[in-house]
């Protein structure tokens, strides 16, 4: 944190670490891993191959394949990246470049709960930097809570906001950080009164426990009435134009 109380930015201008990590440029690049010496769980291999079959260029399947590895191991470990690279026949460097670019991938072992604080422009303008620091301080003693700044969560109308284990909450105040940690520790729904899913909307049936899980579509649709539509009745003090009598 700098003297102005703002979240530290790295040399490349981002809040996400990694881009300025030193590398050994004299080291030979890692080749494509050999499948014969890179064991891959069969279920993970099948899932990756299924994604590859969907695209004319297999490299287009890197993102879902990395997600598959992250679901399997809990994070994109070096071993997981090697396995993805072996199945897809790409270099580990290519897979790593994708995993380190997108915020949703974990390249370090995460905690049991993920709290992503949006730090992009709309949220930053409404105090997200201070909210992020408050969240980090509140979760400091909880090793199972993984707090990260997220470049954009796509919920500008909730700014400043956060995602707690996938649940969007906001607008948040700095004091909400302690409440979030308390709810997570107690296993309660997080900030129920600030959850996006519980916000009132125009549809009275939406975002409620009464909203049906499935929508029933009728087997038959009423046939349209024959003939021209019935014109509205005249009256109620409104002037109605006709061919012979223009509206005043």
Protein backbone atom coordinates (compact mmCIF):
# COMPACT_ATOMS: atom_id res chain seq x y z
CA UNK A 1 0.00 0.00 0.00
CA UNK A 2 1.38 3.42 -0.88
CA UNK A 3 1.31 6.54 1.28
CA UNK A 4 -2.05 7.54 -0.18
CA UNK A 5 -3.71 4.38 1.14
CA UNK A 6 -4.27 2.90 -2.29
CA UNK A 7 -3.82 -0.71 -3.34
CA UNK A 8 -0.29 -1.31 -4.61
CA UNK A 9 0.06 -1.62 -8.34
CA UNK A 10 2.83 -3.67 -9.88
CA UNK A 11 5.32 -2.44 -12.44
CA UNK A 12 3.08 -3.32 -15.37
CA UNK A 13 0.22 -1.25 -13.91
CA UNK A 14 -1.99 -4.11 -12.81
CA UNK A 15 -2.99 -5.11 -9.28
CA UNK A 16 -2.44 -8.74 -10.20
CA UNK A 17 1.03 -10.08 -9.31
CA UNK A 18 3.07 -12.30 -11.56
CA UNK A 19 3.80 -10.26 -14.65
CA UNK A 20 6.91 -8.77 -13.11
CA UNK A 21 8.29 -12.03 -11.71
CA UNK A 22 11.88 -12.60 -12.73
CA UNK A 23 12.57 -15.41 -15.18
CA UNK A 24 15.71 -17.16 -16.37
CA UNK A 25 15.90 -16.09 -20.01
CA UNK A 26 18.94 -18.31 -20.54
CA UNK A 27 16.97 -21.43 -19.70
CA UNK A 28 15.67 -23.53 -22.58
CA UNK A 29 11.87 -23.36 -22.94
CA UNK A 30 9.99 -26.41 -21.71
CA UNK A 31 8.90 -28.64 -24.59
CA UNK A 32 5.48 -30.22 -25.01
CA UNK A 33 5.24 -32.89 -22.28
CA UNK A 34 5.41 -36.46 -23.49
CA UNK A 35 2.14 -38.32 -22.80
CA UNK A 36 4.06 -41.53 -22.05
CA UNK A 37 5.79 -39.94 -19.05
CA UNK A 38 3.03 -37.52 -17.97
CA UNK A 39 0.32 -39.46 -16.12
CA UNK A 40 -3.13 -37.89 -16.41
CA UNK A 41 -6.26 -39.09 -14.56
CA UNK A 42 -8.55 -40.77 -17.08
CA UNK A 43 -11.58 -38.67 -16.15
CA UNK A 44 -9.60 -35.46 -16.61
CA UNK A 45 -8.12 -36.68 -19.90
CA UNK A 46 -11.57 -37.55 -21.24
CA UNK A 47 -12.95 -34.15 -20.26
CA UNK A 48 -10.08 -32.29 -21.93
CA UNK A 49 -10.36 -34.35 -25.09
CA UNK A 50 -14.09 -33.64 -25.13
CA UNK A 51 -13.41 -29.91 -25.08
CA UNK A 52 -10.80 -30.23 -27.82
CA UNK A 53 -13.31 -32.00 -30.06
CA UNK A 54 -15.55 -28.91 -29.99
CA UNK A 55 -13.09 -26.59 -31.74
CA UNK A 56 -11.31 -26.66 -35.10
CA UNK A 57 -8.18 -25.31 -33.35
CA UNK A 58 -7.40 -27.35 -30.22
CA UNK A 59 -5.84 -24.32 -28.51
CA UNK A 60 -9.32 -22.81 -28.26
CA UNK A 61 -10.03 -25.45 -25.59
CA UNK A 62 -7.31 -24.24 -23.22
CA UNK A 63 -9.65 -22.24 -20.96
CA UNK A 64 -12.23 -25.00 -20.33
CA UNK A 65 -9.41 -27.55 -20.03
CA UNK A 66 -7.69 -25.49 -17.35
CA UNK A 67 -11.02 -25.15 -15.57
CA UNK A 68 -11.35 -28.93 -15.66
CA UNK A 69 -7.90 -29.28 -14.09
CA UNK A 70 -8.73 -26.67 -11.47
CA UNK A 71 -11.94 -28.48 -10.54
CA UNK A 72 -10.01 -31.75 -10.28
CA UNK A 73 -7.10 -30.48 -8.16
CA UNK A 74 -8.55 -27.33 -6.61
CA UNK A 75 -6.02 -25.11 -8.40
CA UNK A 76 -3.84 -24.94 -11.50
CA UNK A 77 -0.73 -26.50 -10.01
CA UNK A 78 2.42 -26.95 -12.14
CA UNK A 79 1.56 -30.66 -12.39
CA UNK A 80 -1.99 -29.85 -13.52
CA UNK A 81 -0.70 -27.45 -16.17
CA UNK A 82 1.74 -30.11 -17.41
CA UNK A 83 -1.13 -32.59 -17.69
CA UNK A 84 -3.28 -30.16 -19.66
CA UNK A 85 -0.32 -29.41 -21.93
CA UNK A 86 0.39 -33.12 -22.47
CA UNK A 87 -3.16 -33.93 -23.51
CA UNK A 88 -3.56 -30.83 -25.68
CA UNK A 89 -0.06 -31.09 -27.21
CA UNK A 90 0.89 -27.54 -26.27
CA UNK A 91 3.78 -26.17 -24.21
CA UNK A 92 3.34 -25.60 -20.46
CA UNK A 93 4.31 -21.96 -21.11
CA UNK A 94 1.27 -21.51 -23.36
CA UNK A 95 -1.08 -23.00 -20.75
CA UNK A 96 0.58 -20.94 -18.00
CA UNK A 97 0.14 -17.73 -19.99
CA UNK A 98 -3.62 -18.35 -20.05
CA UNK A 99 -3.84 -19.41 -16.40
CA UNK A 100 -1.99 -16.31 -15.20
CA UNK A 101 -3.92 -13.89 -17.43
CA UNK A 102 -7.43 -14.67 -16.22
CA UNK A 103 -8.37 -13.86 -12.63
CA UNK A 104 -10.61 -16.90 -12.23
CA UNK A 105 -7.69 -19.31 -12.34
CA UNK A 106 -5.79 -20.10 -9.15
CA UNK A 107 -2.07 -20.64 -9.67
CA UNK A 108 -1.41 -20.92 -5.94
CA UNK A 109 -3.21 -23.17 -3.42
CA UNK A 110 -6.36 -21.24 -2.44
CA UNK A 111 -8.23 -21.23 0.84
CA UNK A 112 -11.50 -23.06 1.37
CA UNK A 113 -13.58 -19.95 0.61
CA UNK A 114 -13.05 -17.43 -2.17
CA UNK A 115 -13.77 -13.74 -1.65
CA UNK A 116 -13.19 -11.74 -4.82
CA UNK A 117 -13.38 -7.98 -4.35
CA UNK A 118 -13.99 -6.17 -7.62
CA UNK A 119 -11.36 -3.46 -8.10
CA UNK A 120 -12.22 -2.26 -11.57
CA UNK A 121 -13.19 1.28 -12.48
CA UNK A 122 -16.81 1.47 -11.27
CA UNK A 123 -16.04 -0.17 -7.96
CA UNK A 124 -12.77 1.74 -7.51
CA UNK A 125 -14.56 5.04 -7.91
CA UNK A 126 -16.83 4.01 -5.05
CA UNK A 127 -14.15 2.92 -2.61
CA UNK A 128 -13.18 -0.59 -3.67
CA UNK A 129 -9.51 -0.05 -2.79
CA UNK A 130 -10.37 0.61 0.84
CA UNK A 131 -12.93 -2.22 0.83
CA UNK A 132 -10.29 -4.63 -0.45
CA UNK A 133 -7.88 -3.65 2.32
CA UNK A 134 -10.66 -4.00 4.91
CA UNK A 135 -11.46 -7.46 3.55
CA UNK A 136 -7.83 -8.54 3.70
CA UNK A 137 -7.56 -7.31 7.30
CA UNK A 138 -10.80 -9.02 8.34
CA UNK A 139 -9.73 -12.37 6.90
CA UNK A 140 -6.11 -12.14 8.02
CA UNK A 141 -6.51 -14.77 10.75
CA UNK A 142 -8.59 -17.12 8.59
CA UNK A 143 -6.34 -19.32 6.49
CA UNK A 144 -9.35 -20.89 4.77
CA UNK A 145 -10.57 -17.57 3.31
CA UNK A 146 -8.87 -16.56 0.07
CA UNK A 147 -9.23 -12.81 -0.58
CA UNK A 148 -8.30 -11.50 -4.01
CA UNK A 149 -8.75 -8.33 -5.98
CA UNK A 150 -10.66 -9.04 -9.18
CA UNK A 151 -10.35 -6.85 -12.26
CA UNK A 152 -14.07 -6.96 -13.08
CA UNK A 153 -17.00 -9.03 -11.84
CA UNK A 154 -19.51 -7.40 -14.19
CA UNK A 155 -21.86 -6.00 -11.54
CA UNK A 156 -21.29 -2.25 -11.75
CA UNK A 157 -24.77 -1.53 -10.39
CA UNK A 158 -23.67 -3.11 -7.08
CA UNK A 159 -20.45 -1.11 -6.79
CA UNK A 160 -18.50 -1.60 -4.65
CA UNK A 161 -19.17 -5.31 -4.55
CA UNK A 162 -17.63 -8.73 -4.07
CA UNK A 163 -18.22 -12.37 -4.90
CA UNK A 164 -18.20 -14.72 -1.91
CA UNK A 165 -17.99 -18.33 -3.05
CA UNK A 166 -19.81 -17.25 -6.21
CA UNK A 167 -22.52 -15.23 -4.43
CA UNK A 168 -22.62 -11.59 -5.51
CA UNK A 169 -23.09 -9.09 -2.68
CA UNK A 170 -23.23 -5.30 -2.71
CA UNK A 171 -23.17 -2.38 -2.54
CA UNK A 172 -20.71 -2.93 0.30
CA UNK A 173 -19.27 -0.78 3.04
CA UNK A 174 -15.93 -1.33 4.73
CA UNK A 175 -17.72 -2.54 7.85
CA UNK A 176 -19.29 -5.35 5.81
CA UNK A 177 -15.89 -7.07 5.61
CA UNK A 178 -16.12 -8.28 9.21
CA UNK A 179 -19.71 -9.42 8.66
CA UNK A 180 -18.69 -11.42 5.59
CA UNK A 181 -15.98 -13.22 7.56
CA UNK A 182 -18.41 -13.91 10.41
CA UNK A 183 -21.00 -15.36 8.03
CA UNK A 184 -18.42 -17.52 6.25
CA UNK A 185 -17.05 -18.86 9.53
CA UNK A 186 -20.54 -19.64 10.82
CA UNK A 187 -21.61 -21.31 7.58
CA UNK A 188 -24.46 -18.81 7.14
CA UNK A 189 -25.64 -17.24 3.86
CA UNK A 190 -23.44 -14.20 3.34
CA UNK A 191 -25.06 -10.78 3.80
CA UNK A 192 -28.49 -11.99 2.75
CA UNK A 193 -29.93 -8.47 2.57
CA UNK A 194 -27.21 -7.46 0.07
CA UNK A 195 -27.22 -10.49 -2.19
CA UNK A 196 -27.83 -9.83 -5.86
CA UNK A 197 -30.14 -12.85 -6.04
CA UNK A 198 -32.45 -11.29 -3.42
CA UNK A 199 -32.74 -7.82 -4.93
CA UNK A 200 -36.24 -6.75 -5.88
CA UNK A 201 -36.88 -6.70 -9.61
CA UNK A 202 -39.79 -5.89 -11.88
CA UNK A 203 -40.88 -9.54 -12.08
CA UNK A 204 -42.65 -10.26 -8.76
CA UNK A 205 -41.91 -13.99 -9.15
CA UNK A 206 -38.16 -13.57 -9.67
CA UNK A 207 -35.55 -13.81 -6.91
CA UNK A 208 -37.93 -15.46 -4.48
CA UNK A 209 -38.38 -18.89 -2.95
CA UNK A 210 -41.70 -19.18 -4.81
CA UNK A 211 -40.03 -18.88 -8.22
CA UNK A 212 -40.50 -22.28 -9.93
CA UNK A 213 -37.42 -24.30 -10.75
CA UNK A 214 -38.75 -25.00 -14.24
CA UNK A 215 -41.13 -23.17 -16.51
CA UNK A 216 -44.00 -25.15 -18.01
CA UNK A 217 -44.72 -24.35 -21.64
CA UNK A 218 -48.27 -25.15 -22.75
CA UNK A 219 -48.64 -27.87 -25.38
CA UNK A 220 -50.98 -25.74 -27.47
CA UNK A 221 -50.99 -22.07 -28.28
CA UNK A 222 -54.36 -20.33 -28.77
CA UNK A 223 -55.02 -19.68 -32.44
CA UNK A 224 -55.14 -16.01 -33.48
CA UNK A 225 -58.57 -14.52 -33.98
CA UNK A 226 -59.74 -14.25 -37.59
CA UNK A 227 -60.29 -10.85 -39.14
CA UNK A 228 -58.82 -7.43 -38.41
CA UNK A 229 -58.24 -6.38 -34.80
CA UNK A 230 -61.11 -4.64 -33.05
CA UNK A 231 -60.46 -0.87 -32.91
CA UNK A 232 -60.43 0.72 -29.47
CA UNK A 233 -63.61 2.39 -28.31
CA UNK A 234 -63.84 6.14 -28.69
CA UNK A 235 -64.61 8.33 -25.78
CA UNK A 236 -63.15 9.19 -22.41
CA UNK A 237 -62.54 12.73 -23.68
CA UNK A 238 -59.85 11.68 -26.19
CA UNK A 239 -59.80 12.94 -29.78
CA UNK A 240 -59.54 10.14 -32.35
CA UNK A 241 -58.50 10.78 -35.95
CA UNK A 242 -60.45 9.35 -38.91
CA UNK A 243 -60.07 9.76 -42.65
CA UNK A 244 -62.87 12.35 -42.73
CA UNK A 245 -62.23 13.97 -39.35
CA UNK A 246 -58.60 14.83 -38.52
CA UNK A 247 -57.60 15.07 -34.90
CA UNK A 248 -57.68 18.56 -33.43
